[in-house]
Amino acid sequence: MTLAVHDDGVVLTDGDERRTYGWSEVAHVWRANDMDGEAADGSMITKWLHELLLEFTDGTVVNSLLADPPVVTPEAAFRTGRLSSSPPSVIAPVMQRVNAPVTELHLARAKAALAAGGQVEFGPLTATADGLHHDGRKIPWHTITSCRYAFVIFHEDEDELGAMLRMEYEVDGGANGFPFAWLRIPALDVPDLDVLVRLADENRT
């Protein structure tokens, strides 16, 4: 199956079958990054991977995994972890051509739903007019200090690694006396992640 991206949607071709979907027919988007690499003669040969999963309103699901050209980095520099989480990419603009228009449509729908007293599901998170709900906890919009997508290559805590939705919010009596709590949710568990980030940004101030 091949996926072609156009200004107003995508075209799926599977053998002799050809299906066209407008952006309004994309029900959900999931996205994440990863890194593949190997050591060779004191260097690390790595390439950034871009995963994009689309679910259409007719139930069709397409998962694409594309890779940027490999990059050679001295192993000592690589081991410091001081690599950009968003390096120059030839694939990222293609992914954005899909994600950007779908996010705008879904954001408008989500805002209308919340304004009407409804709720919007983002995998393990539920958005309502007064905040987010996760695992029995309510997180009011105004308490959210940071909500973003990020990919972490190295960290002492392995639970921090990978593509995540990362959220920080204010709480009373947080762990170890910190007045904050944190959520780390794998990006591929959160459909329409960029819509959620935009909602948090617009509602927390």
Protein backbone atom coordinates (compact mmCIF):
# COMPACT_ATOMS: atom_id res chain seq x y z
CA MET A 1 0.00 0.00 0.00
CA THR A 2 1.22 3.50 -0.82
CA LEU A 3 0.09 6.79 0.69
CA ALA A 4 0.29 10.01 -1.32
CA VAL A 5 -0.14 13.36 0.44
CA HIS A 6 -1.96 16.20 -1.33
CA ASP A 7 -3.03 19.67 -0.21
CA ASP A 8 -6.59 18.58 0.56
CA GLY A 9 -6.04 15.03 1.79
CA VAL A 10 -4.37 11.71 1.07
CA VAL A 11 -4.72 8.97 -1.51
CA LEU A 12 -4.25 5.30 -0.60
CA THR A 13 -3.33 2.89 -3.38
CA ASP A 14 -3.38 -0.86 -2.81
CA GLY A 15 -2.86 -2.73 -6.04
CA ASP A 16 -5.66 -1.67 -8.36
CA GLU A 17 -7.70 -0.13 -5.52
CA ARG A 18 -7.43 3.63 -5.01
CA ARG A 19 -9.13 5.52 -2.18
CA THR A 20 -9.13 9.25 -1.59
CA TYR A 21 -9.67 10.79 1.86
CA GLY A 22 -10.10 14.48 2.65
CA TRP A 23 -8.68 15.81 5.88
CA SER A 24 -12.15 15.81 7.44
CA GLU A 25 -12.23 12.02 6.95
CA VAL A 26 -9.23 11.46 9.22
CA ALA A 27 -10.72 10.33 12.52
CA HIS A 28 -7.50 10.20 14.55
CA VAL A 29 -3.76 10.75 14.20
CA TRP A 30 -0.97 9.23 16.26
CA ARG A 31 2.66 10.29 15.82
CA ALA A 32 6.00 9.47 17.40
CA ASN A 33 9.73 9.49 16.74
CA ASP A 34 12.37 6.90 17.41
CA MET A 35 16.06 6.44 16.68
CA ASP A 36 17.81 3.47 15.12
CA GLY A 37 21.57 3.14 15.28
CA GLU A 38 24.71 1.05 15.50
CA ALA A 39 28.29 1.54 16.67
CA ALA A 40 31.09 1.39 14.10
CA ASP A 41 34.78 2.31 14.55
CA GLY A 42 34.28 4.85 17.34
CA SER A 43 31.25 6.42 15.71
CA MET A 44 27.51 6.00 15.99
CA ILE A 45 25.52 5.66 12.80
CA THR A 46 22.00 6.76 13.54
CA LYS A 47 18.83 7.62 11.71
CA TRP A 48 15.67 9.27 12.95
CA LEU A 49 12.44 7.36 12.46
CA HIS A 50 9.05 8.99 12.03
CA GLU A 51 5.90 6.99 12.74
CA LEU A 52 2.48 8.26 11.67
CA LEU A 53 -0.69 6.27 12.22
CA LEU A 54 -3.94 7.40 10.61
CA GLU A 55 -7.43 6.11 11.33
CA PHE A 56 -10.09 7.17 8.84
CA THR A 57 -13.80 7.58 9.44
CA ASP A 58 -14.57 4.40 7.47
CA GLY A 59 -12.41 2.35 9.88
CA THR A 60 -9.36 2.08 7.63
CA VAL A 61 -6.08 2.30 9.56
CA VAL A 62 -2.72 3.06 7.93
CA ASN A 63 0.62 3.02 9.75
CA SER A 64 3.69 4.53 8.09
CA LEU A 65 7.27 4.42 9.33
CA LEU A 66 9.79 6.53 7.43
CA ALA A 67 13.48 7.14 8.12
CA ASP A 68 15.75 10.10 7.57
CA PRO A 69 19.17 9.49 5.98
CA PRO A 70 21.73 8.07 8.45
CA VAL A 71 24.02 10.46 10.36
CA VAL A 72 27.52 9.66 11.66
CA THR A 73 28.34 11.05 15.13
CA PRO A 74 31.50 10.47 17.25
CA GLU A 75 30.52 7.94 19.88
CA ALA A 76 31.81 10.10 22.75
CA ALA A 77 29.54 12.96 21.69
CA PHE A 78 26.62 10.61 21.17
CA ARG A 79 26.96 9.12 24.65
CA THR A 80 26.55 12.54 26.26
CA GLY A 81 22.97 12.57 25.03
CA ARG A 82 23.43 16.13 23.80
CA LEU A 83 21.71 15.55 20.50
CA SER A 84 18.84 17.60 19.24
CA SER A 85 15.42 15.97 19.69
CA SER A 86 14.31 17.71 16.48
CA PRO A 87 17.26 17.63 14.07
CA PRO A 88 17.02 18.81 10.46
CA SER A 89 14.82 16.30 8.69
CA VAL A 90 13.65 15.52 5.19
CA ILE A 91 10.76 13.40 6.50
CA ALA A 92 9.34 15.71 9.19
CA PRO A 93 7.87 18.20 6.67
CA VAL A 94 5.95 15.37 5.00
CA MET A 95 4.54 14.26 8.35
CA GLN A 96 3.60 17.85 9.14
CA ARG A 97 1.69 18.17 5.85
CA VAL A 98 -0.68 15.54 7.26
CA ASN A 99 -0.63 16.43 10.93
CA ALA A 100 -1.10 20.20 10.62
CA PRO A 101 -4.44 20.35 8.73
CA VAL A 102 -5.91 17.44 10.69
CA THR A 103 -4.91 19.07 13.98
CA GLU A 104 -6.60 22.33 13.01
CA LEU A 105 -9.86 20.54 12.14
CA HIS A 106 -9.84 18.42 15.28
CA LEU A 107 -8.94 21.39 17.47
CA ALA A 108 -11.98 23.32 16.22
CA ARG A 109 -14.21 20.30 16.88
CA ALA A 110 -12.74 19.75 20.34
CA LYS A 111 -13.20 23.39 21.35
CA ALA A 112 -16.82 23.31 20.16
CA ALA A 113 -17.46 20.10 22.10
CA LEU A 114 -15.98 21.51 25.32
CA ALA A 115 -17.87 24.79 24.93
CA ALA A 116 -21.10 22.80 24.64
CA GLY A 117 -20.37 20.97 27.90
CA GLY A 118 -19.10 17.80 26.28
CA GLN A 119 -15.84 15.95 26.60
CA VAL A 120 -13.09 14.77 24.27
CA GLU A 121 -11.13 11.55 24.70
CA PHE A 122 -7.37 11.45 24.18
CA GLY A 123 -6.62 7.84 25.02
CA PRO A 124 -6.03 7.71 28.80
CA LEU A 125 -6.87 11.42 29.15
CA THR A 126 -10.30 13.04 28.98
CA ALA A 127 -10.67 16.76 28.35
CA THR A 128 -13.62 18.74 29.71
CA ALA A 129 -14.33 22.45 29.96
CA ASP A 130 -12.66 22.64 33.39
CA GLY A 131 -9.58 20.53 32.77
CA LEU A 132 -8.14 17.09 32.12
CA HIS A 133 -9.01 13.84 33.85
CA HIS A 134 -6.52 11.00 34.17
CA ASP A 135 -6.76 7.82 36.22
CA GLY A 136 -9.31 9.32 38.63
CA ARG A 137 -7.43 12.60 39.05
CA LYS A 138 -8.71 15.95 37.85
CA ILE A 139 -6.09 18.35 36.47
CA PRO A 140 -7.60 21.86 36.10
CA TRP A 141 -6.38 23.70 33.03
CA HIS A 142 -4.95 26.58 35.06
CA THR A 143 -2.66 24.24 37.02
CA ILE A 144 -0.86 22.94 33.92
CA THR A 145 2.58 24.54 33.68
CA SER A 146 3.86 22.50 30.72
CA CYS A 147 2.29 20.14 28.19
CA ARG A 148 4.31 19.00 25.20
CA TYR A 149 5.52 16.19 22.99
CA ALA A 150 9.18 15.26 23.46
CA PHE A 151 11.57 12.48 22.52
CA VAL A 152 14.31 11.61 25.02
CA ILE A 153 17.34 9.56 23.91
CA PHE A 154 19.18 9.05 27.22
CA HIS A 155 18.02 9.36 30.81
CA GLU A 156 18.95 7.72 34.11
CA ASP A 157 15.34 6.64 34.52
CA GLU A 158 14.45 4.29 31.65
CA ASP A 159 10.77 5.18 32.07
CA GLU A 160 11.68 8.63 30.71
CA LEU A 161 13.03 7.32 27.40
CA GLY A 162 11.28 7.56 24.08
CA ALA A 163 8.48 9.60 22.56
CA MET A 164 6.17 10.90 25.25
CA LEU A 165 3.44 13.35 26.09
CA ARG A 166 5.09 15.17 28.99
CA MET A 167 2.97 17.24 31.34
CA GLU A 168 3.78 19.16 34.50
CA TYR A 169 1.06 20.56 36.75
CA GLU A 170 0.72 22.22 40.14
CA VAL A 171 -0.46 20.17 43.13
CA ASP A 172 -0.67 20.63 46.88
CA GLY A 173 1.71 18.42 48.82
CA GLY A 174 3.49 16.87 45.86
CA ALA A 175 6.13 14.14 46.11
CA ASN A 176 9.20 15.10 48.18
CA GLY A 177 7.68 18.48 48.93
CA PHE A 178 7.63 19.64 45.31
CA PRO A 179 4.44 21.59 44.48
CA PHE A 180 4.26 19.82 41.10
CA ALA A 181 3.31 16.46 39.64
CA TRP A 182 4.24 14.96 36.29
CA LEU A 183 2.63 12.77 33.66
CA ARG A 184 4.66 10.75 31.18
CA ILE A 185 2.47 8.92 28.65
CA PRO A 186 3.82 7.17 25.53
CA ALA A 187 2.97 9.31 22.52
CA LEU A 188 1.42 6.42 20.60
CA ASP A 189 -1.09 5.96 23.46
CA VAL A 190 -2.46 9.48 22.91
CA PRO A 191 -4.50 10.02 19.73
CA ASP A 192 -4.49 13.58 18.38
CA LEU A 193 -1.72 14.52 20.78
CA ASP A 194 -1.12 17.90 19.16
CA VAL A 195 -4.77 18.84 19.66
CA LEU A 196 -4.39 18.10 23.36
CA VAL A 197 -1.22 20.22 23.56
CA ARG A 198 -2.98 23.12 21.84
CA LEU A 199 -5.99 22.86 24.18
CA ALA A 200 -3.69 22.91 27.20
CA ASP A 201 -1.81 25.95 25.89
CA GLU A 202 -4.99 27.89 25.16
CA ASN A 203 -6.81 27.04 28.39
CA ARG A 204 -4.08 27.18 31.03
CA THR A 205 -3.60 30.96 30.90
